[in-house]
PDB file of N, CA and C in Angstrom:
ATOM      1  N   UNK A   1    -170.399  77.990  21.532  1.00  0.00           N
ATOM      2  CA  UNK A   1    -171.814  78.386  23.086  1.00  0.00           C
ATOM      3  C   UNK A   1    -172.566  78.880  22.339  1.00  0.00           C
ATOM      4  N   UNK A   2    -173.804  79.639  22.412  1.00  0.00           N
ATOM      5  CA  UNK A   2    -174.829  80.182  22.157  1.00  0.00           C
ATOM      6  C   UNK A   2    -174.722  81.124  22.944  1.00  0.00           C
ATOM      7  N   UNK A   3    -174.793  82.525  21.948  1.00  0.00           N
ATOM      8  CA  UNK A   3    -175.255  83.548  22.906  1.00  0.00           C
ATOM      9  C   UNK A   3    -176.486  84.032  24.152  1.00  0.00           C
ATOM     10  N   UNK A   4    -176.626  84.479  25.718  1.00  0.00           N
ATOM     11  CA  UNK A   4    -177.815  84.320  25.804  1.00  0.00           C
ATOM     12  C   UNK A   4    -178.157  85.943  25.336  1.00  0.00           C
ATOM     13  N   UNK A   5    -179.113  86.809  24.441  1.00  0.00           N
ATOM     14  CA  UNK A   5    -179.298  87.552  24.363  1.00  0.00           C
ATOM     15  C   UNK A   5    -180.524  88.616  25.275  1.00  0.00           C
ATOM     16  N   UNK A   6    -179.782  88.170  26.850  1.00  0.00           N
ATOM     17  CA  UNK A   6    -181.808  89.090  28.157  1.00  0.00           C
ATOM     18  C   UNK A   6    -179.603  89.030  29.825  1.00  0.00           C
ATOM     19  N   UNK A   7    -180.159  89.579  30.278  1.00  0.00           N
ATOM     20  CA  UNK A   7    -180.311  90.136  31.433  1.00  0.00           C
ATOM     21  C   UNK A   7    -180.464  89.198  32.894  1.00  0.00           C
ATOM     22  N   UNK A   8    -181.513  88.431  32.690  1.00  0.00           N
ATOM     23  CA  UNK A   8    -181.993  87.456  33.513  1.00  0.00           C
ATOM     24  C   UNK A   8    -181.738  86.005  32.480  1.00  0.00           C
ATOM     25  N   UNK A   9    -181.163  85.166  33.245  1.00  0.00           N
ATOM     26  CA  UNK A   9    -181.489  84.026  33.235  1.00  0.00           C
ATOM     27  C   UNK A   9    -181.682  83.029  33.786  1.00  0.00           C
ATOM     28  N   UNK A  10    -182.775  81.820  33.295  1.00  0.00           N
ATOM     29  CA  UNK A  10    -183.021  81.069  35.169  1.00  0.00           C
ATOM     30  C   UNK A  10    -182.772  79.279  33.767  1.00  0.00           C
ATOM     31  N   UNK A  11    -183.116  78.259  34.966  1.00  0.00           N
ATOM     32  CA  UNK A  11    -182.404  76.891  34.449  1.00  0.00           C
ATOM     33  C   UNK A  11    -184.085  76.763  34.517  1.00  0.00           C
ATOM     34  N   UNK A  12    -184.970  75.531  33.966  1.00  0.00           N
ATOM     35  CA  UNK A  12    -186.175  75.499  33.020  1.00  0.00           C
ATOM     36  C   UNK A  12    -186.486  74.502  34.735  1.00  0.00           C
ATOM     37  N   UNK A  13    -186.076  74.212  35.125  1.00  0.00           N
ATOM     38  CA  UNK A  13    -186.301  73.785  36.682  1.00  0.00           C
ATOM     39  C   UNK A  13    -186.980  75.146  37.785  1.00  0.00           C
ATOM     40  N   UNK A  14    -186.036  75.741  37.906  1.00  0.00           N
ATOM     41  CA  UNK A  14    -186.319  77.373  38.362  1.00  0.00           C
ATOM     42  C   UNK A  14    -187.243  78.101  38.049  1.00  0.00           C
ATOM     43  N   UNK A  15    -187.993  77.818  36.559  1.00  0.00           N
ATOM     44  CA  UNK A  15    -188.741  77.971  36.215  1.00  0.00           C
ATOM     45  C   UNK A  15    -190.403  77.490  36.105  1.00  0.00           C
ATOM     46  N   UNK A  16    -190.175  76.031  36.637  1.00  0.00           N
ATOM     47  CA  UNK A  16    -191.295  75.302  36.875  1.00  0.00           C
ATOM     48  C   UNK A  16    -191.453  75.528  38.800  1.00  0.00           C
ATOM     49  N   UNK A  17    -190.877  76.006  39.821  1.00  0.00           N
ATOM     50  CA  UNK A  17    -191.411  76.400  41.124  1.00  0.00           C
ATOM     51  C   UNK A  17    -191.959  77.549  40.480  1.00  0.00           C
ATOM     52  N   UNK A  18    -191.204  78.670  40.419  1.00  0.00           N
ATOM     53  CA  UNK A  18    -192.772  79.659  40.966  1.00  0.00           C
ATOM     54  C   UNK A  18    -191.927  81.101  39.067  1.00  0.00           C
ATOM     55  N   UNK A  19    -192.863  81.201  38.765  1.00  0.00           N
ATOM     56  CA  UNK A  19    -192.420  81.904  37.662  1.00  0.00           C
ATOM     57  C   UNK A  19    -193.276  83.152  37.672  1.00  0.00           C
ATOM     58  N   UNK A  20    -193.888  83.397  38.156  1.00  0.00           N
ATOM     59  CA  UNK A  20    -194.795  84.498  38.515  1.00  0.00           C
ATOM     60  C   UNK A  20    -193.001  85.034  39.464  1.00  0.00           C
ATOM     61  N   UNK A  21    -193.120  84.612  40.268  1.00  0.00           N
ATOM     62  CA  UNK A  21    -192.382  85.250  40.916  1.00  0.00           C
ATOM     63  C   UNK A  21    -191.229  86.195  39.764  1.00  0.00           C
ATOM     64  N   UNK A  22    -190.324  85.545  39.260  1.00  0.00           N
ATOM     65  CA  UNK A  22    -189.446  85.660  38.339  1.00  0.00           C
ATOM     66  C   UNK A  22    -190.229  86.607  37.192  1.00  0.00           C
ATOM     67  N   UNK A  23    -191.335  86.643  36.732  1.00  0.00           N
ATOM     68  CA  UNK A  23    -191.810  87.753  36.061  1.00  0.00           C
ATOM     69  C   UNK A  23    -191.691  88.998  36.396  1.00  0.00           C
ATOM     70  N   UNK A  24    -191.985  88.653  37.779  1.00  0.00           N
ATOM     71  CA  UNK A  24    -191.819  90.093  38.763  1.00  0.00           C
ATOM     72  C   UNK A  24    -190.247  90.197  39.184  1.00  0.00           C
ATOM     73  N   UNK A  25    -189.033  89.325  39.399  1.00  0.00           N
ATOM     74  CA  UNK A  25    -188.155  89.732  39.746  1.00  0.00           C
ATOM     75  C   UNK A  25    -187.082  90.606  38.149  1.00  0.00           C
ATOM     76  N   UNK A  26    -187.580  90.377  36.750  1.00  0.00           N
ATOM     77  CA  UNK A  26    -187.576  90.833  36.082  1.00  0.00           C
ATOM     78  C   UNK A  26    -187.853  92.576  36.009  1.00  0.00           C
ATOM     79  N   UNK A  27    -188.317  92.544  36.268  1.00  0.00           N
ATOM     80  CA  UNK A  27    -189.202  94.044  35.817  1.00  0.00           C
ATOM     81  C   UNK A  27    -190.018  94.282  34.578  1.00  0.00           C
ATOM     82  N   UNK A  28    -189.902  93.351  33.730  1.00  0.00           N
ATOM     83  CA  UNK A  28    -190.536  93.238  32.561  1.00  0.00           C
ATOM     84  C   UNK A  28    -188.945  93.007  31.263  1.00  0.00           C
ATOM     85  N   UNK A  29    -188.053  93.070  32.081  1.00  0.00           N
ATOM     86  CA  UNK A  29    -186.864  92.283  30.726  1.00  0.00           C
ATOM     87  C   UNK A  29    -187.336  90.975  30.257  1.00  0.00           C
ATOM     88  N   UNK A  30    -186.907  90.652  29.224  1.00  0.00           N
ATOM     89  CA  UNK A  30    -186.882  89.205  28.485  1.00  0.00           C
ATOM     90  C   UNK A  30    -185.923  87.858  29.287  1.00  0.00           C
ATOM     91  N   UNK A  31    -185.913  87.235  29.869  1.00  0.00           N
ATOM     92  CA  UNK A  31    -185.638  85.424  30.417  1.00  0.00           C
ATOM     93  C   UNK A  31    -185.358  84.963  29.744  1.00  0.00           C
ATOM     94  N   UNK A  32    -183.390  84.521  29.834  1.00  0.00           N
ATOM     95  CA  UNK A  32    -183.644  83.388  29.136  1.00  0.00           C
ATOM     96  C   UNK A  32    -183.801  82.169  29.592  1.00  0.00           C
ATOM     97  N   UNK A  33    -184.194  80.679  29.219  1.00  0.00           N
ATOM     98  CA  UNK A  33    -184.462  80.103  29.895  1.00  0.00           C
ATOM     99  C   UNK A  33    -183.680  78.428  29.579  1.00  0.00           C
ATOM    100  N   UNK A  34    -182.941  78.666  30.110  1.00  0.00           N
ATOM    101  CA  UNK A  34    -181.661  77.393  29.930  1.00  0.00           C
ATOM    102  C   UNK A  34    -182.045  76.200  30.315  1.00  0.00           C
ATOM    103  N   UNK A  35    -181.843  75.211  29.131  1.00  0.00           N
ATOM    104  CA  UNK A  35    -181.139  74.165  29.166  1.00  0.00           C
ATOM    105  C   UNK A  35    -180.036  73.005  29.172  1.00  0.00           C
ATOM    106  N   UNK A  36    -179.343  72.888  29.421  1.00  0.00           N
ATOM    107  CA  UNK A  36    -178.010  72.224  30.616  1.00  0.00           C
ATOM    108  C   UNK A  36    -176.803  73.469  29.632  1.00  0.00           C
ATOM    109  N   UNK A  37    -177.653  74.626  30.875  1.00  0.00           N
ATOM    110  CA  UNK A  37    -177.000  75.853  29.991  1.00  0.00           C
ATOM    111  C   UNK A  37    -176.461  76.543  29.099  1.00  0.00           C
ATOM    112  N   UNK A  38    -177.858  75.968  28.117  1.00  0.00           N
ATOM    113  CA  UNK A  38    -177.679  76.533  26.567  1.00  0.00           C
ATOM    114  C   UNK A  38    -179.133  77.831  26.336  1.00  0.00           C
ATOM    115  N   UNK A  39    -179.485  78.454  25.963  1.00  0.00           N
ATOM    116  CA  UNK A  39    -180.606  79.096  25.998  1.00  0.00           C
ATOM    117  C   UNK A  39    -181.680  77.943  25.229  1.00  0.00           C
ATOM    118  N   UNK A  40    -182.765  77.715  25.462  1.00  0.00           N
ATOM    119  CA  UNK A  40    -183.658  76.599  25.097  1.00  0.00           C
ATOM    120  C   UNK A  40    -185.241  77.494  24.858  1.00  0.00           C
ATOM    121  N   UNK A  41    -185.440  78.748  25.308  1.00  0.00           N
ATOM    122  CA  UNK A  41    -186.395  79.635  25.274  1.00  0.00           C
ATOM    123  C   UNK A  41    -186.096  80.998  25.803  1.00  0.00           C
ATOM    124  N   UNK A  42    -187.072  82.205  25.654  1.00  0.00           N
ATOM    125  CA  UNK A  42    -186.836  83.127  25.799  1.00  0.00           C
ATOM    126  C   UNK A  42    -188.480  83.321  26.594  1.00  0.00           C
ATOM    127  N   UNK A  43    -188.547  83.777  27.556  1.00  0.00           N
ATOM    128  CA  UNK A  43    -190.124  84.103  28.023  1.00  0.00           C
ATOM    129  C   UNK A  43    -189.657  86.660  28.554  1.00  0.00           C
ATOM    130  N   UNK A  44    -190.878  86.448  27.599  1.00  0.00           N
ATOM    131  CA  UNK A  44    -190.691  87.909  27.395  1.00  0.00           C
ATOM    132  C   UNK A  44    -192.895  88.748  28.164  1.00  0.00           C
ATOM    133  N   UNK A  45    -192.770  89.749  28.556  1.00  0.00           N
ATOM    134  CA  UNK A  45    -193.951  89.648  28.815  1.00  0.00           C
ATOM    135  C   UNK A  45    -194.691  89.834  27.871  1.00  0.00           C
ATOM    136  N   UNK A  46    -196.481  89.862  28.085  1.00  0.00           N
ATOM    137  CA  UNK A  46    -197.720  89.802  26.816  1.00  0.00           C
ATOM    138  C   UNK A  46    -197.629  91.321  26.124  1.00  0.00           C
ATOM    139  N   UNK A  47    -196.938  92.440  27.025  1.00  0.00           N
ATOM    140  CA  UNK A  47    -197.277  93.537  26.000  1.00  0.00           C
ATOM    141  C   UNK A  47    -195.416  93.866  25.500  1.00  0.00           C
ATOM    142  N   UNK A  48    -195.347  93.290  25.668  1.00  0.00           N
ATOM    143  CA  UNK A  48    -193.457  93.379  24.886  1.00  0.00           C
ATOM    144  C   UNK A  48    -193.966  92.000  23.917  1.00  0.00           C
ATOM    145  N   UNK A  49    -194.376  91.402  23.731  1.00  0.00           N
ATOM    146  CA  UNK A  49    -194.217  90.636  22.696  1.00  0.00           C
ATOM    147  C   UNK A  49    -195.470  90.987  21.353  1.00  0.00           C
ATOM    148  N   UNK A  50    -196.583  91.510  22.129  1.00  0.00           N
ATOM    149  CA  UNK A  50    -197.465  92.744  21.428  1.00  0.00           C
ATOM    150  C   UNK A  50    -196.566  93.684  20.036  1.00  0.00           C
ATOM    151  N   UNK A  51    -195.802  94.073  21.324  1.00  0.00           N
ATOM    152  CA  UNK A  51    -195.693  95.816  20.487  1.00  0.00           C
ATOM    153  C   UNK A  51    -194.259  94.560  19.371  1.00  0.00           C
ATOM    154  N   UNK A  52    -194.138  93.587  19.367  1.00  0.00           N
ATOM    155  CA  UNK A  52    -193.414  93.284  18.579  1.00  0.00           C
ATOM    156  C   UNK A  52    -193.503  93.375  17.432  1.00  0.00           C
ATOM    157  N   UNK A  53    -194.843  92.042  17.322  1.00  0.00           N
ATOM    158  CA  UNK A  53    -195.890  91.881  17.105  1.00  0.00           C
ATOM    159  C   UNK A  53    -196.286  92.894  15.677  1.00  0.00           C
ATOM    160  N   UNK A  54    -196.437  93.892  16.998  1.00  0.00           N
ATOM    161  CA  UNK A  54    -196.703  95.031  15.463  1.00  0.00           C
ATOM    162  C   UNK A  54    -195.711  95.839  15.037  1.00  0.00           C
ATOM    163  N   UNK A  55    -194.442  95.892  15.600  1.00  0.00           N
ATOM    164  CA  UNK A  55    -193.936  96.180  14.230  1.00  0.00           C
ATOM    165  C   UNK A  55    -193.363  95.335  13.352  1.00  0.00           C
ATOM    166  N   UNK A  56    -192.985  94.128  13.719  1.00  0.00           N
ATOM    167  CA  UNK A  56    -193.197  93.550  12.653  1.00  0.00           C
ATOM    168  C   UNK A  56    -193.976  92.890  11.509  1.00  0.00           C
ATOM    169  N   UNK A  57    -195.230  93.081  11.905  1.00  0.00           N
ATOM    170  CA  UNK A  57    -196.110  93.717  10.503  1.00  0.00           C
ATOM    171  C   UNK A  57    -196.480  95.194  10.293  1.00  0.00           C
ATOM    172  N   UNK A  58    -195.738  96.289  10.849  1.00  0.00           N
ATOM    173  CA  UNK A  58    -195.522  97.728  10.532  1.00  0.00           C
ATOM    174  C   UNK A  58    -193.919  97.044   9.365  1.00  0.00           C
ATOM    175  N   UNK A  59    -193.016  96.494   9.662  1.00  0.00           N
ATOM    176  CA  UNK A  59    -191.395  96.056   8.660  1.00  0.00           C
ATOM    177  C   UNK A  59    -192.235  95.919   7.573  1.00  0.00           C
ATOM    178  N   UNK A  60    -193.136  94.720   7.649  1.00  0.00           N
ATOM    179  CA  UNK A  60    -193.845  93.766   6.433  1.00  0.00           C
ATOM    180  C   UNK A  60    -194.797  94.822   5.458  1.00  0.00           C
ATOM    181  N   UNK A  61    -195.606  95.473   6.313  1.00  0.00           N
ATOM    182  CA  UNK A  61    -196.086  96.483   4.941  1.00  0.00           C
ATOM    183  C   UNK A  61    -195.553  97.101   4.424  1.00  0.00           C
ATOM    184  N   UNK A  62    -194.021  97.870   5.183  1.00  0.00           N
ATOM    185  CA  UNK A  62    -193.198  98.339   5.020  1.00  0.00           C
ATOM    186  C   UNK A  62    -193.304  98.219   3.587  1.00  0.00           C
ATOM    187  N   UNK A  63    -192.255  97.012   3.314  1.00  0.00           N
ATOM    188  CA  UNK A  63    -191.522  96.371   2.576  1.00  0.00           C
ATOM    189  C   UNK A  63    -192.746  95.719   1.026  1.00  0.00           C
ATOM    190  N   UNK A  64    -193.663  95.896   1.538  1.00  0.00           N
ATOM    191  CA  UNK A  64    -195.275  95.684   0.448  1.00  0.00           C
ATOM    192  C   UNK A  64    -195.170  96.899  -0.041  1.00  0.00           C
ATOM    193  N   UNK A  65    -195.133  97.845   0.742  1.00  0.00           N
ATOM    194  CA  UNK A  65    -194.946  99.542   0.145  1.00  0.00           C
ATOM    195  C   UNK A  65    -194.171 100.035  -1.048  1.00  0.00           C
ATOM    196  N   UNK A  66    -192.994  99.002  -0.912  1.00  0.00           N
ATOM    197  CA  UNK A  66    -190.951  99.693  -1.889  1.00  0.00           C
ATOM    198  C   UNK A  66    -191.692  98.653  -2.723  1.00  0.00           C
ATOM    199  N   UNK A  67    -191.994  97.598  -2.630  1.00  0.00           N
ATOM    200  CA  UNK A  67    -192.097  96.477  -3.889  1.00  0.00           C
ATOM    201  C   UNK A  67    -193.040  97.064  -4.481  1.00  0.00           C
ATOM    202  N   UNK A  68    -194.030  97.673  -4.484  1.00  0.00           N
ATOM    203  CA  UNK A  68    -195.717  97.652  -5.001  1.00  0.00           C
ATOM    204  C   UNK A  68    -194.701  99.681  -6.081  1.00  0.00           C
ATOM    205  N   UNK A  69    -193.954  99.945  -4.815  1.00  0.00           N
ATOM    206  CA  UNK A  69    -193.758 101.807  -5.341  1.00  0.00           C
ATOM    207  C   UNK A  69    -192.746 101.701  -6.895  1.00  0.00           C
ATOM    208  N   UNK A  70    -192.243 100.384  -6.684  1.00  0.00           N
ATOM    209  CA  UNK A  70    -191.145  99.740  -7.664  1.00  0.00           C
ATOM    210  C   UNK A  70    -192.052  99.974  -9.130  1.00  0.00           C
ATOM    211  N   UNK A  71    -193.316  99.136  -9.217  1.00  0.00           N
ATOM    212  CA  UNK A  71    -194.670  98.768 -10.448  1.00  0.00           C
ATOM    213  C   UNK A  71    -195.332 100.199 -10.684  1.00  0.00           C
ATOM    214  N   UNK A  72    -194.594 101.308 -10.735  1.00  0.00           N
ATOM    215  CA  UNK A  72    -195.899 102.157 -10.647  1.00  0.00           C
ATOM    216  C   UNK A  72    -195.452 102.812 -11.593  1.00  0.00           C
ATOM    217  N   UNK A  73    -194.585 102.851 -13.156  1.00  0.00           N
ATOM    218  CA  UNK A  73    -195.310 102.505 -14.208  1.00  0.00           C
ATOM    219  C   UNK A  73    -196.486 101.323 -14.640  1.00  0.00           C
ATOM    220  N   UNK A  74    -197.168 100.687 -13.425  1.00  0.00           N
ATOM    221  CA  UNK A  74    -198.347  99.399 -13.736  1.00  0.00           C
ATOM    222  C   UNK A  74    -199.007 100.209 -13.412  1.00  0.00           C
ATOM    223  N   UNK A  75    -199.102 101.703 -12.517  1.00  0.00           N
ATOM    224  CA  UNK A  75    -200.699 101.439 -11.705  1.00  0.00           C
ATOM    225  C   UNK A  75    -201.881 102.599 -12.768  1.00  0.00           C
ATOM    226  N   UNK A  76    -202.813 101.702 -12.532  1.00  0.00           N
ATOM    227  CA  UNK A  76    -203.893 102.980 -12.762  1.00  0.00           C
ATOM    228  C   UNK A  76    -203.995 103.814 -12.775  1.00  0.00           C
ATOM    229  N   UNK A  77    -204.584 104.805 -12.953  1.00  0.00           N
ATOM    230  CA  UNK A  77    -205.227 106.581 -12.406  1.00  0.00           C
ATOM    231  C   UNK A  77    -206.680 106.108 -12.369  1.00  0.00           C
ATOM    232  N   UNK A  78    -207.339 106.429 -11.027  1.00  0.00           N
ATOM    233  CA  UNK A  78    -208.817 105.997 -10.769  1.00  0.00           C
ATOM    234  C   UNK A  78    -209.020 106.707  -9.952  1.00  0.00           C
ATOM    235  N   UNK A  79    -210.401 108.013 -11.157  1.00  0.00           N
ATOM    236  CA  UNK A  79    -211.055 108.396 -10.306  1.00  0.00           C
ATOM    237  C   UNK A  79    -211.482 108.612  -8.804  1.00  0.00           C
ATOM    238  N   UNK A  80    -211.404 109.428  -8.029  1.00  0.00           N
ATOM    239  CA  UNK A  80    -212.515 109.200  -7.063  1.00  0.00           C
ATOM    240  C   UNK A  80    -214.178 108.161  -6.860  1.00  0.00           C
ATOM    241  N   UNK A  81    -214.749 108.770  -7.933  1.00  0.00           N
ATOM    242  CA  UNK A  81    -216.428 109.319  -8.367  1.00  0.00           C
ATOM    243  C   UNK A  81    -216.393 107.709  -8.567  1.00  0.00           C
ATOM    244  N   UNK A  82    -215.726 107.020  -9.243  1.00  0.00           N
ATOM    245  CA  UNK A  82    -215.447 105.848  -9.672  1.00  0.00           C
ATOM    246  C   UNK A  82    -215.954 104.785  -9.461  1.00  0.00           C
ATOM    247  N   UNK A  83    -214.995 104.607  -8.191  1.00  0.00           N
ATOM    248  CA  UNK A  83    -214.861 103.944  -7.362  1.00  0.00           C
ATOM    249  C   UNK A  83    -216.324 104.121  -5.880  1.00  0.00           C
TER     250      UNK A  83
END
């Protein structure tokens, strides 16, 4: 059985009836959408989704910086006036 990673859960049928009321009831927390008592999807507020996307982008940029720092011996010195 898969773990439900949310404090609130609803069936797909319940979600279809009144999604706005469910979002209000959850107060910004994620909602697990269940199909046959197994998580099929998670519903999160738009602000939370946008924050997650920002965090993922920051993480990917940090990985890129670390990769490039390991190649410091290949760096080329450039004067700002030359740019």
